Amino acid sequence: MQNIFIIYTGGTIGMVKDPETGTFVPFDFELIARNLPDLARLNYKLTIHSFSPIIDSSNMKPSIWVEMAQIIRDNYEHYDGFVILHGSDTMSFSASILSFMLEGLQKPVILSGSQLPIGEIRTDARENMMTALEIASAKENGQSIIQEVCILFDNKLFRGNRSFKYNSAKFEAFRSPNYPVLAEAGIHINYNREALLDNTDKEFIMHSTLDNHVGVLKLFPGISPTFIQSILNADVRSIVMETFGSGNTMTDEWFLEMLSAAVKKGKNILDISQCKVGSVELGRYETSQGLKAIGVLNGYDMTFEAAVTKFMYLQGQLPDQESVAYWIEKDIRGELTVND
């Protein structure tokens, strides 16, 4: 019998419709259990931890991430796998930060949820949850097949820090265009063995200190110098700059001078693309050569969610900006592909 620990944070999966207002409101885990009688047929020993109060994922924040990571750490030796039921809107942020906080995982941590509440007739909640439980319990030669933080949605298993929510209207809510799907569930669950992390013999370490002094600068044609300066002057240690194409920006002298001044003052500026597919290639075009010269950092093919949360993680561990700058460009949990 496999021991699986379920962390129920909230989300659409456990919501019910308020008869007076017609809106969906969160409910406790008992609603899920009542709508999943097949849970009793599984050869799993399930332990449930429900957050109180139940959390809408739009209210997710670092303190809740720390609480989730601590729950996993405290129960790590006693369970074969972990399933986190979570709202889909910020699921990729949570999966990304947990991948950084939970170093050396040798057991699966699977985040899942649904686009329709479990009580609805056409809900995707049943299939998502049952498949997540099966993957969380899957072993081979005594070792967990999955040894990382993942998202399970619509029969596909994604690396958590490679995923993002792209659709709010389809059951196929998540994508991972820059990294292969880890597994796909049909009649059988087929694992993409070459794409899986192998943490065998690594030490499991939970990192609990985060620093959310991170800013975001999304570029667009016609962006004003005043606005850019306000972002660069903000009380943050690092800035994720969302650029065009393969990392390109305008080449106006005033713009490069502003960035250069911020870098010289100790701000880390990371270049990631607004494109969902592909990678930043600093210096490939003239429009990114200047960035490389002034010390802008290369985000390669990291998702926005991974970039923001990786900065929070690194800044929590490293007091000096130079070390943060070094590690943000390195692959530490399978979150990026270096294309130098």
C-alpha atoms as a PDB file:
ATOM      1  CA  MET A   1       0.000   0.000   0.000  1.00  0.00           C
ATOM      2  CA  GLN A   2       1.358   3.398  -1.029  1.00  0.00           C
ATOM      3  CA  ASN A   3       1.227   6.298   1.417  1.00  0.00           C
ATOM      4  CA  ILE A   4       0.242   9.514  -0.343  1.00  0.00           C
ATOM      5  CA  PHE A   5       0.023  12.917   1.329  1.00  0.00           C
ATOM      6  CA  ILE A   6      -2.549  15.313  -0.142  1.00  0.00           C
ATOM      7  CA  ILE A   7      -2.249  19.046   0.512  1.00  0.00           C
ATOM      8  CA  TYR A   8      -5.525  20.791  -0.257  1.00  0.00           C
ATOM      9  CA  THR A   9      -4.980  24.523  -0.661  1.00  0.00           C
ATOM     10  CA  GLY A  10      -8.222  25.302  -2.498  1.00  0.00           C
ATOM     11  CA  GLY A  11      -8.972  26.221  -6.083  1.00  0.00           C
ATOM     12  CA  THR A  12     -11.766  25.525  -8.536  1.00  0.00           C
ATOM     13  CA  ILE A  13     -11.598  21.771  -7.888  1.00  0.00           C
ATOM     14  CA  GLY A  14     -13.294  22.206  -4.497  1.00  0.00           C
ATOM     15  CA  MET A  15     -15.704  25.026  -5.232  1.00  0.00           C
ATOM     16  CA  VAL A  16     -19.497  25.033  -5.107  1.00  0.00           C
ATOM     17  CA  LYS A  17     -21.954  27.477  -6.618  1.00  0.00           C
ATOM     18  CA  ASP A  18     -23.547  29.913  -4.199  1.00  0.00           C
ATOM     19  CA  PRO A  19     -27.318  29.658  -4.880  1.00  0.00           C
ATOM     20  CA  GLU A  20     -27.868  33.312  -4.019  1.00  0.00           C
ATOM     21  CA  THR A  21     -25.097  34.973  -6.011  1.00  0.00           C
ATOM     22  CA  GLY A  22     -24.398  32.303  -8.642  1.00  0.00           C
ATOM     23  CA  THR A  23     -20.650  32.635  -8.033  1.00  0.00           C
ATOM     24  CA  PHE A  24     -18.278  29.784  -7.198  1.00  0.00           C
ATOM     25  CA  VAL A  25     -16.989  29.801  -3.618  1.00  0.00           C
ATOM     26  CA  PRO A  26     -14.425  27.469  -1.991  1.00  0.00           C
ATOM     27  CA  PHE A  27     -15.501  24.439   0.019  1.00  0.00           C
ATOM     28  CA  ASP A  28     -13.592  21.945   2.150  1.00  0.00           C
ATOM     29  CA  PHE A  29     -12.047  18.618   1.080  1.00  0.00           C
ATOM     30  CA  GLU A  30     -15.131  16.642   2.127  1.00  0.00           C
ATOM     31  CA  LEU A  31     -16.827  17.861  -1.053  1.00  0.00           C
ATOM     32  CA  ILE A  32     -14.038  16.317  -3.129  1.00  0.00           C
ATOM     33  CA  ALA A  33     -14.154  13.040  -1.196  1.00  0.00           C
ATOM     34  CA  ARG A  34     -17.923  12.739  -1.660  1.00  0.00           C
ATOM     35  CA  ASN A  35     -17.583  13.214  -5.405  1.00  0.00           C
ATOM     36  CA  LEU A  36     -14.751  10.704  -5.704  1.00  0.00           C
ATOM     37  CA  PRO A  37     -16.066   7.414  -4.276  1.00  0.00           C
ATOM     38  CA  ASP A  38     -13.339   5.615  -6.247  1.00  0.00           C
ATOM     39  CA  LEU A  39     -10.791   6.909  -3.730  1.00  0.00           C
ATOM     40  CA  ALA A  40     -11.895   4.140  -1.373  1.00  0.00           C
ATOM     41  CA  ARG A  41     -11.069   1.513  -4.012  1.00  0.00           C
ATOM     42  CA  LEU A  42      -7.475   2.611  -4.426  1.00  0.00           C
ATOM     43  CA  ASN A  43      -4.714   0.726  -2.698  1.00  0.00           C
ATOM     44  CA  TYR A  44      -3.424   3.952  -1.174  1.00  0.00           C
ATOM     45  CA  LYS A  45      -3.321   5.233   2.354  1.00  0.00           C
ATOM     46  CA  LEU A  46      -4.263   8.881   1.944  1.00  0.00           C
ATOM     47  CA  THR A  47      -3.506  11.595   4.469  1.00  0.00           C
ATOM     48  CA  ILE A  48      -5.197  14.947   3.909  1.00  0.00           C
ATOM     49  CA  HIS A  49      -3.962  18.328   5.073  1.00  0.00           C
ATOM     50  CA  SER A  50      -6.411  21.128   4.310  1.00  0.00           C
ATOM     51  CA  PHE A  51      -5.410  24.758   4.538  1.00  0.00           C
ATOM     52  CA  SER A  52      -7.622  26.843   6.776  1.00  0.00           C
ATOM     53  CA  PRO A  53      -8.959  29.032   5.440  1.00  0.00           C
ATOM     54  CA  ILE A  54      -9.108  27.596   1.918  1.00  0.00           C
ATOM     55  CA  ILE A  55      -7.079  29.754  -0.485  1.00  0.00           C
ATOM     56  CA  ASP A  56      -8.041  31.167  -3.849  1.00  0.00           C
ATOM     57  CA  SER A  57      -4.847  30.831  -5.869  1.00  0.00           C
ATOM     58  CA  SER A  58      -4.965  34.527  -6.791  1.00  0.00           C
ATOM     59  CA  ASN A  59      -4.099  35.131  -3.119  1.00  0.00           C
ATOM     60  CA  MET A  60      -0.986  32.931  -3.255  1.00  0.00           C
ATOM     61  CA  LYS A  61       2.106  34.449  -1.597  1.00  0.00           C
ATOM     62  CA  PRO A  62       5.582  33.489  -0.329  1.00  0.00           C
ATOM     63  CA  SER A  63       4.452  32.682   3.223  1.00  0.00           C
ATOM     64  CA  ILE A  64       2.066  30.043   1.856  1.00  0.00           C
ATOM     65  CA  TRP A  65       4.828  28.577  -0.327  1.00  0.00           C
ATOM     66  CA  VAL A  66       7.005  28.269   2.770  1.00  0.00           C
ATOM     67  CA  GLU A  67       4.165  26.564   4.643  1.00  0.00           C
ATOM     68  CA  MET A  68       3.661  24.058   1.813  1.00  0.00           C
ATOM     69  CA  ALA A  69       7.377  23.303   1.645  1.00  0.00           C
ATOM     70  CA  GLN A  70       7.538  22.820   5.418  1.00  0.00           C
ATOM     71  CA  ILE A  71       4.610  20.386   5.301  1.00  0.00           C
ATOM     72  CA  ILE A  72       6.434  18.329   2.663  1.00  0.00           C
ATOM     73  CA  ARG A  73       9.695  18.436   4.634  1.00  0.00           C
ATOM     74  CA  ASP A  74       8.006  17.365   7.882  1.00  0.00           C
ATOM     75  CA  ASN A  75       6.284  14.405   6.200  1.00  0.00           C
ATOM     76  CA  TYR A  76       8.938  13.537   3.631  1.00  0.00           C
ATOM     77  CA  GLU A  77      10.221  10.336   5.255  1.00  0.00           C
ATOM     78  CA  HIS A  78       6.758   8.894   5.902  1.00  0.00           C
ATOM     79  CA  TYR A  79       5.130   9.150   2.467  1.00  0.00           C
ATOM     80  CA  ASP A  80       5.792   7.856  -1.029  1.00  0.00           C
ATOM     81  CA  GLY A  81       4.534  10.944  -2.811  1.00  0.00           C
ATOM     82  CA  PHE A  82       2.726  14.252  -2.462  1.00  0.00           C
ATOM     83  CA  VAL A  83      -0.247  15.711  -4.340  1.00  0.00           C
ATOM     84  CA  ILE A  84      -1.059  19.411  -3.983  1.00  0.00           C
ATOM     85  CA  LEU A  85      -4.564  20.471  -5.018  1.00  0.00           C
ATOM     86  CA  HIS A  86      -4.200  24.070  -6.116  1.00  0.00           C
ATOM     87  CA  GLY A  87      -5.997  26.726  -8.145  1.00  0.00           C
ATOM     88  CA  SER A  88      -4.748  26.823 -11.722  1.00  0.00           C
ATOM     89  CA  ASP A  89      -4.231  30.600 -12.026  1.00  0.00           C
ATOM     90  CA  THR A  90      -0.962  30.686 -10.072  1.00  0.00           C
ATOM     91  CA  MET A  91      -0.134  26.991 -10.162  1.00  0.00           C
ATOM     92  CA  SER A  92       2.966  27.478 -12.320  1.00  0.00           C
ATOM     93  CA  PHE A  93       4.342  30.051  -9.875  1.00  0.00           C
ATOM     94  CA  SER A  94       3.874  27.621  -6.983  1.00  0.00           C
ATOM     95  CA  ALA A  95       5.312  24.678  -8.905  1.00  0.00           C
ATOM     96  CA  SER A  96       8.328  26.768  -9.908  1.00  0.00           C
ATOM     97  CA  ILE A  97       9.161  28.072  -6.436  1.00  0.00           C
ATOM     98  CA  LEU A  98       8.661  24.649  -4.832  1.00  0.00           C
ATOM     99  CA  SER A  99      11.072  23.149  -7.358  1.00  0.00           C
ATOM    100  CA  PHE A 100      13.734  25.576  -6.104  1.00  0.00           C
ATOM    101  CA  MET A 101      12.879  25.261  -2.406  1.00  0.00           C
ATOM    102  CA  LEU A 102      12.836  21.431  -2.442  1.00  0.00           C
ATOM    103  CA  GLU A 103      16.386  20.518  -3.424  1.00  0.00           C
ATOM    104  CA  GLY A 104      17.318  16.893  -4.100  1.00  0.00           C
ATOM    105  CA  LEU A 105      13.740  15.564  -4.254  1.00  0.00           C
ATOM    106  CA  GLN A 106      13.584  11.806  -4.683  1.00  0.00           C
ATOM    107  CA  LYS A 107       9.804  11.674  -4.424  1.00  0.00           C
ATOM    108  CA  PRO A 108       7.078  13.187  -6.620  1.00  0.00           C
ATOM    109  CA  VAL A 109       5.351  16.441  -5.749  1.00  0.00           C
ATOM    110  CA  ILE A 110       2.415  16.734  -8.153  1.00  0.00           C
ATOM    111  CA  LEU A 111       0.282  19.868  -8.374  1.00  0.00           C
ATOM    112  CA  SER A 112      -3.135  19.503  -9.928  1.00  0.00           C
ATOM    113  CA  GLY A 113      -6.594  21.009  -9.931  1.00  0.00           C
ATOM    114  CA  SER A 114      -9.358  21.553 -12.438  1.00  0.00           C
ATOM    115  CA  GLN A 115     -11.091  24.023 -14.715  1.00  0.00           C
ATOM    116  CA  LEU A 116     -14.561  22.987 -13.506  1.00  0.00           C
ATOM    117  CA  PRO A 117     -15.560  22.232  -9.889  1.00  0.00           C
ATOM    118  CA  ILE A 118     -15.710  18.565  -8.957  1.00  0.00           C
ATOM    119  CA  GLY A 119     -19.466  18.675  -8.481  1.00  0.00           C
ATOM    120  CA  GLU A 120     -20.119  19.714 -12.095  1.00  0.00           C
ATOM    121  CA  ILE A 121     -21.222  17.001 -14.536  1.00  0.00           C
ATOM    122  CA  ARG A 122     -18.434  17.577 -17.094  1.00  0.00           C
ATOM    123  CA  THR A 123     -15.723  18.280 -14.554  1.00  0.00           C
ATOM    124  CA  ASP A 124     -12.094  17.498 -15.349  1.00  0.00           C
ATOM    125  CA  ALA A 125     -11.353  17.220 -11.629  1.00  0.00           C
ATOM    126  CA  ARG A 126     -11.864  13.448 -11.269  1.00  0.00           C
ATOM    127  CA  GLU A 127      -9.474  12.465 -14.021  1.00  0.00           C
ATOM    128  CA  ASN A 128      -6.854  15.002 -12.990  1.00  0.00           C
ATOM    129  CA  MET A 129      -6.855  13.942  -9.362  1.00  0.00           C
ATOM    130  CA  MET A 130      -6.932  10.184  -9.974  1.00  0.00           C
ATOM    131  CA  THR A 131      -4.072  10.432 -12.476  1.00  0.00           C
ATOM    132  CA  ALA A 132      -2.066  12.658 -10.136  1.00  0.00           C
ATOM    133  CA  LEU A 133      -2.434  10.084  -7.368  1.00  0.00           C
ATOM    134  CA  GLU A 134      -1.341   7.259  -9.670  1.00  0.00           C
ATOM    135  CA  ILE A 135       1.761   9.152 -10.800  1.00  0.00           C
ATOM    136  CA  ALA A 136       2.579  10.155  -7.208  1.00  0.00           C
ATOM    137  CA  SER A 137       2.616   6.477  -6.245  1.00  0.00           C
ATOM    138  CA  ALA A 138       4.457   5.104  -9.305  1.00  0.00           C
ATOM    139  CA  LYS A 139       7.722   3.308  -8.539  1.00  0.00           C
ATOM    140  CA  GLU A 140      10.262   1.222 -10.360  1.00  0.00           C
ATOM    141  CA  ASN A 141      12.816  -0.953  -8.583  1.00  0.00           C
ATOM    142  CA  GLY A 142      11.816   0.642  -5.304  1.00  0.00           C
ATOM    143  CA  GLN A 143      12.456   4.198  -6.551  1.00  0.00           C
ATOM    144  CA  SER A 144       9.879   6.840  -7.446  1.00  0.00           C
ATOM    145  CA  ILE A 145       9.702   7.322 -11.211  1.00  0.00           C
ATOM    146  CA  ILE A 146       9.088  11.045 -10.752  1.00  0.00           C
ATOM    147  CA  GLN A 147      11.625  12.831  -8.561  1.00  0.00           C
ATOM    148  CA  GLU A 148      10.654  16.455  -9.064  1.00  0.00           C
ATOM    149  CA  VAL A 149       7.866  19.023  -8.789  1.00  0.00           C
ATOM    150  CA  CYS A 150       5.344  18.654 -11.620  1.00  0.00           C
ATOM    151  CA  ILE A 151       1.962  19.815 -12.840  1.00  0.00           C
ATOM    152  CA  LEU A 152      -0.601  17.232 -13.945  1.00  0.00           C
ATOM    153  CA  PHE A 153      -3.393  18.617 -16.100  1.00  0.00           C
ATOM    154  CA  ASP A 154      -5.511  17.143 -18.896  1.00  0.00           C
ATOM    155  CA  ASN A 155      -3.601  13.839 -18.979  1.00  0.00           C
ATOM    156  CA  LYS A 156      -0.193  15.514 -19.358  1.00  0.00           C
ATOM    157  CA  LEU A 157       2.584  15.763 -16.800  1.00  0.00           C
ATOM    158  CA  PHE A 158       4.770  18.867 -17.067  1.00  0.00           C
ATOM    159  CA  ARG A 159       7.932  19.900 -15.270  1.00  0.00           C
ATOM    160  CA  GLY A 160       6.597  22.542 -12.905  1.00  0.00           C
ATOM    161  CA  ASN A 161       9.232  25.184 -13.593  1.00  0.00           C
ATOM    162  CA  ARG A 162       8.812  24.805 -17.365  1.00  0.00           C
ATOM    163  CA  SER A 163       5.062  25.264 -17.469  1.00  0.00           C
ATOM    164  CA  PHE A 164       2.641  28.153 -17.720  1.00  0.00           C
ATOM    165  CA  LYS A 165      -1.132  28.519 -17.868  1.00  0.00           C
ATOM    166  CA  TYR A 166      -2.100  29.585 -21.358  1.00  0.00           C
ATOM    167  CA  ASN A 167      -5.861  28.974 -21.488  1.00  0.00           C
ATOM    168  CA  SER A 168      -8.662  29.738 -19.035  1.00  0.00           C
ATOM    169  CA  ALA A 169     -11.430  28.194 -21.165  1.00  0.00           C
ATOM    170  CA  LYS A 170     -10.095  24.736 -22.098  1.00  0.00           C
ATOM    171  CA  PHE A 171      -9.307  21.674 -20.004  1.00  0.00           C
ATOM    172  CA  GLU A 172      -5.912  21.805 -21.721  1.00  0.00           C
ATOM    173  CA  ALA A 173      -4.874  24.742 -19.545  1.00  0.00           C
ATOM    174  CA  PHE A 174      -1.085  24.341 -19.399  1.00  0.00           C
ATOM    175  CA  ARG A 175       1.769  24.118 -21.855  1.00  0.00           C
ATOM    176  CA  SER A 176       5.529  23.597 -21.759  1.00  0.00           C
ATOM    177  CA  PRO A 177       6.759  24.474 -25.245  1.00  0.00           C
ATOM    178  CA  ASN A 178      10.457  24.660 -24.373  1.00  0.00           C
ATOM    179  CA  TYR A 179      10.654  21.271 -22.633  1.00  0.00           C
ATOM    180  CA  PRO A 180       9.073  17.908 -23.456  1.00  0.00           C
ATOM    181  CA  VAL A 181       6.023  16.579 -21.633  1.00  0.00           C
ATOM    182  CA  LEU A 182       7.234  14.231 -18.877  1.00  0.00           C
ATOM    183  CA  ALA A 183       4.377  11.763 -19.152  1.00  0.00           C
ATOM    184  CA  GLU A 184       1.069  11.310 -20.943  1.00  0.00           C
ATOM    185  CA  ALA A 185      -1.868   9.343 -19.615  1.00  0.00           C
ATOM    186  CA  GLY A 186      -4.068   7.297 -21.926  1.00  0.00           C
ATOM    187  CA  ILE A 187      -4.908   3.644 -21.445  1.00  0.00           C
ATOM    188  CA  HIS A 188      -1.442   3.496 -19.897  1.00  0.00           C
ATOM    189  CA  ILE A 189       0.752   6.224 -18.424  1.00  0.00           C
ATOM    190  CA  ASN A 190       3.723   6.621 -20.748  1.00  0.00           C
ATOM    191  CA  TYR A 191       6.775   8.260 -19.187  1.00  0.00           C
ATOM    192  CA  ASN A 192       9.322  10.184 -21.218  1.00  0.00           C
ATOM    193  CA  ARG A 193      12.275   8.664 -19.371  1.00  0.00           C
ATOM    194  CA  GLU A 194      14.952  10.794 -21.009  1.00  0.00           C
ATOM    195  CA  ALA A 195      13.248  14.000 -19.881  1.00  0.00           C
ATOM    196  CA  LEU A 196      12.913  13.087 -16.188  1.00  0.00           C
ATOM    197  CA  LEU A 197      15.165  14.395 -13.428  1.00  0.00           C
ATOM    198  CA  ASP A 198      17.110  11.733 -11.541  1.00  0.00           C
ATOM    199  CA  ASN A 199      17.993  12.823  -8.004  1.00  0.00           C
ATOM    200  CA  THR A 200      19.031   9.380  -6.786  1.00  0.00           C
ATOM    201  CA  ASP A 201      21.488   9.570  -3.864  1.00  0.00           C
ATOM    202  CA  LYS A 202      21.141  13.351  -3.564  1.00  0.00           C
ATOM    203  CA  GLU A 203      20.458  14.887  -0.172  1.00  0.00           C
ATOM    204  CA  PHE A 204      16.971  16.300   0.300  1.00  0.00           C
ATOM    205  CA  ILE A 205      17.152  19.888   1.572  1.00  0.00           C
ATOM    206  CA  MET A 206      14.244  22.273   2.120  1.00  0.00           C
ATOM    207  CA  HIS A 207      15.115  25.970   1.735  1.00  0.00           C
ATOM    208  CA  SER A 208      12.671  28.228   3.559  1.00  0.00           C
ATOM    209  CA  THR A 209      14.075  31.742   3.102  1.00  0.00           C
ATOM    210  CA  LEU A 210      12.679  33.788   0.223  1.00  0.00           C
ATOM    211  CA  ASP A 211      13.245  37.415  -0.744  1.00  0.00           C
ATOM    212  CA  ASN A 212      10.482  38.899  -2.895  1.00  0.00           C
ATOM    213  CA  HIS A 213      12.294  42.154  -3.755  1.00  0.00           C
ATOM    214  CA  VAL A 214      11.827  41.446  -7.459  1.00  0.00           C
ATOM    215  CA  GLY A 215      10.492  43.816 -10.110  1.00  0.00           C
ATOM    216  CA  VAL A 216       9.145  43.322 -13.628  1.00  0.00           C
ATOM    217  CA  LEU A 217       9.719  45.534 -16.667  1.00  0.00           C
ATOM    218  CA  LYS A 218       7.659  44.529 -19.705  1.00  0.00           C
ATOM    219  CA  LEU A 219       8.724  46.443 -22.787  1.00  0.00           C
ATOM    220  CA  PHE A 220       6.417  47.745 -25.512  1.00  0.00           C
ATOM    221  CA  PRO A 221       6.853  50.180 -28.407  1.00  0.00           C
ATOM    222  CA  GLY A 222       6.478  53.717 -27.124  1.00  0.00           C
ATOM    223  CA  ILE A 223       7.238  52.930 -23.481  1.00  0.00           C
ATOM    224  CA  SER A 224       8.166  56.154 -21.694  1.00  0.00           C
ATOM    225  CA  PRO A 225      11.515  56.890 -20.038  1.00  0.00           C
ATOM    226  CA  THR A 226       9.671  58.041 -16.918  1.00  0.00           C
ATOM    227  CA  PHE A 227       7.964  54.695 -16.505  1.00  0.00           C
ATOM    228  CA  ILE A 228      11.158  52.717 -17.085  1.00  0.00           C
ATOM    229  CA  GLN A 229      13.028  54.849 -14.563  1.00  0.00           C
ATOM    230  CA  SER A 230      10.313  54.274 -11.960  1.00  0.00           C
ATOM    231  CA  ILE A 231      10.783  50.496 -12.296  1.00  0.00           C
ATOM    232  CA  LEU A 232      14.572  50.720 -12.186  1.00  0.00           C
ATOM    233  CA  ASN A 233      14.402  52.944  -9.083  1.00  0.00           C
ATOM    234  CA  ALA A 234      12.026  50.610  -7.239  1.00  0.00           C
ATOM    235  CA  ASP A 235      13.100  49.000  -3.962  1.00  0.00           C
ATOM    236  CA  VAL A 236      14.068  45.672  -5.516  1.00  0.00           C
ATOM    237  CA  ARG A 237      17.288  43.689  -5.878  1.00  0.00           C
ATOM    238  CA  SER A 238      16.491  42.224  -9.272  1.00  0.00           C
ATOM    239  CA  ILE A 239      14.316  42.969 -12.300  1.00  0.00           C
ATOM    240  CA  VAL A 240      12.878  40.545 -14.833  1.00  0.00           C
ATOM    241  CA  MET A 241      12.821  42.404 -18.162  1.00  0.00           C
ATOM    242  CA  GLU A 242      10.446  40.955 -20.752  1.00  0.00           C
ATOM    243  CA  THR A 243      11.874  41.760 -24.177  1.00  0.00           C
ATOM    244  CA  PHE A 244      11.054  41.145 -27.835  1.00  0.00           C
ATOM    245  CA  GLY A 245      11.896  38.039 -29.889  1.00  0.00           C
ATOM    246  CA  SER A 246      15.213  36.478 -28.917  1.00  0.00           C
ATOM    247  CA  GLY A 247      15.946  39.086 -26.250  1.00  0.00           C
ATOM    248  CA  ASN A 248      15.901  42.290 -28.282  1.00  0.00           C
ATOM    249  CA  THR A 249      15.082  45.828 -27.151  1.00  0.00           C
ATOM    250  CA  MET A 250      15.156  49.351 -28.554  1.00  0.00           C
ATOM    251  CA  THR A 251      18.670  50.727 -28.929  1.00  0.00           C
ATOM    252  CA  ASP A 252      17.963  54.324 -27.855  1.00  0.00           C
ATOM    253  CA  GLU A 253      20.913  55.761 -25.980  1.00  0.00           C
ATOM    254  CA  TRP A 254      18.763  56.956 -23.064  1.00  0.00           C
ATOM    255  CA  PHE A 255      17.384  53.439 -22.568  1.00  0.00           C
ATOM    256  CA  LEU A 256      20.765  51.703 -22.481  1.00  0.00           C
ATOM    257  CA  GLU A 257      22.139  54.409 -20.193  1.00  0.00           C
ATOM    258  CA  MET A 258      19.282  53.865 -17.732  1.00  0.00           C
ATOM    259  CA  LEU A 259      19.860  50.106 -17.680  1.00  0.00           C
ATOM    260  CA  SER A 260      23.618  50.555 -17.347  1.00  0.00           C
ATOM    261  CA  ALA A 261      23.206  52.938 -14.404  1.00  0.00           C
ATOM    262  CA  ALA A 262      20.901  50.459 -12.635  1.00  0.00           C
ATOM    263  CA  VAL A 263      23.358  47.583 -13.168  1.00  0.00           C
ATOM    264  CA  LYS A 264      26.228  49.705 -11.830  1.00  0.00           C
ATOM    265  CA  LYS A 265      24.156  50.411  -8.705  1.00  0.00           C
ATOM    266  CA  GLY A 266      23.898  46.657  -8.107  1.00  0.00           C
ATOM    267  CA  LYS A 267      20.548  45.802  -9.687  1.00  0.00           C
ATOM    268  CA  ASN A 268      20.384  42.458 -11.475  1.00  0.00           C
ATOM    269  CA  ILE A 269      18.434  42.750 -14.752  1.00  0.00           C
ATOM    270  CA  LEU A 270      17.415  39.482 -16.405  1.00  0.00           C
ATOM    271  CA  ASP A 271      16.408  39.346 -20.065  1.00  0.00           C
ATOM    272  CA  ILE A 272      13.598  36.906 -20.884  1.00  0.00           C
ATOM    273  CA  SER A 273      11.489  36.902 -24.028  1.00  0.00           C
ATOM    274  CA  GLN A 274       7.832  37.809 -24.302  1.00  0.00           C
ATOM    275  CA  CYS A 275       7.645  34.918 -26.774  1.00  0.00           C
ATOM    276  CA  LYS A 276       6.468  31.669 -25.198  1.00  0.00           C
ATOM    277  CA  VAL A 277       8.571  29.493 -27.505  1.00  0.00           C
ATOM    278  CA  GLY A 278      12.295  29.888 -28.062  1.00  0.00           C
ATOM    279  CA  SER A 279      15.190  31.366 -26.133  1.00  0.00           C
ATOM    280  CA  VAL A 280      16.996  34.633 -25.499  1.00  0.00           C
ATOM    281  CA  GLU A 281      20.223  34.904 -27.491  1.00  0.00           C
ATOM    282  CA  LEU A 282      22.027  37.979 -26.237  1.00  0.00           C
ATOM    283  CA  GLY A 283      24.280  39.459 -28.898  1.00  0.00           C
ATOM    284  CA  ARG A 284      22.753  37.641 -31.857  1.00  0.00           C
ATOM    285  CA  TYR A 285      21.218  40.851 -33.176  1.00  0.00           C
ATOM    286  CA  GLU A 286      22.430  44.424 -32.891  1.00  0.00           C
ATOM    287  CA  THR A 287      19.389  45.172 -30.736  1.00  0.00           C
ATOM    288  CA  SER A 288      20.724  42.941 -27.945  1.00  0.00           C
ATOM    289  CA  GLN A 289      24.483  43.492 -28.262  1.00  0.00           C
ATOM    290  CA  GLY A 290      24.286  46.622 -26.120  1.00  0.00           C
ATOM    291  CA  LEU A 291      22.458  44.733 -23.363  1.00  0.00           C
ATOM    292  CA  LYS A 292      25.184  42.123 -23.126  1.00  0.00           C
ATOM    293  CA  ALA A 293      27.868  44.811 -23.002  1.00  0.00           C
ATOM    294  CA  ILE A 294      26.348  46.600 -19.997  1.00  0.00           C
ATOM    295  CA  GLY A 295      25.837  43.426 -17.954  1.00  0.00           C
ATOM    296  CA  VAL A 296      22.212  42.461 -18.562  1.00  0.00           C
ATOM    297  CA  LEU A 297      21.794  38.776 -17.671  1.00  0.00           C
ATOM    298  CA  ASN A 298      20.597  36.022 -20.011  1.00  0.00           C
ATOM    299  CA  GLY A 299      17.352  34.265 -19.054  1.00  0.00           C
ATOM    300  CA  TYR A 300      17.583  31.826 -21.971  1.00  0.00           C
ATOM    301  CA  ASP A 301      14.262  29.929 -22.256  1.00  0.00           C
ATOM    302  CA  MET A 302      13.012  30.391 -18.699  1.00  0.00           C
ATOM    303  CA  THR A 303       9.328  31.030 -18.211  1.00  0.00           C
ATOM    304  CA  PHE A 304       8.265  34.269 -16.564  1.00  0.00           C
ATOM    305  CA  GLU A 305       7.029  32.259 -13.574  1.00  0.00           C
ATOM    306  CA  ALA A 306      10.352  30.468 -13.171  1.00  0.00           C
ATOM    307  CA  ALA A 307      12.384  33.678 -13.555  1.00  0.00           C
ATOM    308  CA  VAL A 308      10.468  35.592 -10.884  1.00  0.00           C
ATOM    309  CA  THR A 309      10.451  32.749  -8.352  1.00  0.00           C
ATOM    310  CA  LYS A 310      14.085  31.782  -9.010  1.00  0.00           C
ATOM    311  CA  PHE A 311      15.123  35.323  -8.123  1.00  0.00           C
ATOM    312  CA  MET A 312      13.072  35.085  -4.900  1.00  0.00           C
ATOM    313  CA  TYR A 313      14.776  31.793  -4.046  1.00  0.00           C
ATOM    314  CA  LEU A 314      18.327  32.898  -4.882  1.00  0.00           C
ATOM    315  CA  GLN A 315      17.962  36.225  -3.086  1.00  0.00           C
ATOM    316  CA  GLY A 316      16.756  34.358  -0.008  1.00  0.00           C
ATOM    317  CA  GLN A 317      19.877  32.186  -0.007  1.00  0.00           C
ATOM    318  CA  LEU A 318      22.537  34.615  -1.229  1.00  0.00           C
ATOM    319  CA  PRO A 319      23.179  38.046   0.310  1.00  0.00           C
ATOM    320  CA  ASP A 320      25.449  39.319  -2.469  1.00  0.00           C
ATOM    321  CA  GLN A 321      24.178  40.351  -5.878  1.00  0.00           C
ATOM    322  CA  GLU A 322      27.140  38.833  -7.737  1.00  0.00           C
ATOM    323  CA  SER A 323      26.255  35.318  -6.573  1.00  0.00           C
ATOM    324  CA  VAL A 324      22.592  35.824  -7.499  1.00  0.00           C
ATOM    325  CA  ALA A 325      23.676  37.022 -10.958  1.00  0.00           C
ATOM    326  CA  TYR A 326      25.892  33.971 -11.400  1.00  0.00           C
ATOM    327  CA  TRP A 327      23.275  31.379 -10.446  1.00  0.00           C
ATOM    328  CA  ILE A 328      20.305  32.972 -12.233  1.00  0.00           C
ATOM    329  CA  GLU A 329      22.000  32.058 -15.535  1.00  0.00           C
ATOM    330  CA  LYS A 330      22.718  28.471 -14.428  1.00  0.00           C
ATOM    331  CA  ASP A 331      20.399  25.486 -14.663  1.00  0.00           C
ATOM    332  CA  ILE A 332      19.803  24.338 -11.069  1.00  0.00           C
ATOM    333  CA  ARG A 333      16.479  22.423 -11.236  1.00  0.00           C
ATOM    334  CA  GLY A 334      15.952  21.775 -14.937  1.00  0.00           C
ATOM    335  CA  GLU A 335      14.345  25.211 -15.436  1.00  0.00           C
ATOM    336  CA  LEU A 336      16.426  26.419 -18.394  1.00  0.00           C
ATOM    337  CA  THR A 337      18.495  25.288 -21.339  1.00  0.00           C
ATOM    338  CA  VAL A 338      21.791  27.099 -21.835  1.00  0.00           C
ATOM    339  CA  ASN A 339      22.284  27.619 -25.579  1.00  0.00           C
ATOM    340  CA  ASP A 340      25.772  29.150 -25.619  1.00  0.00           C
END
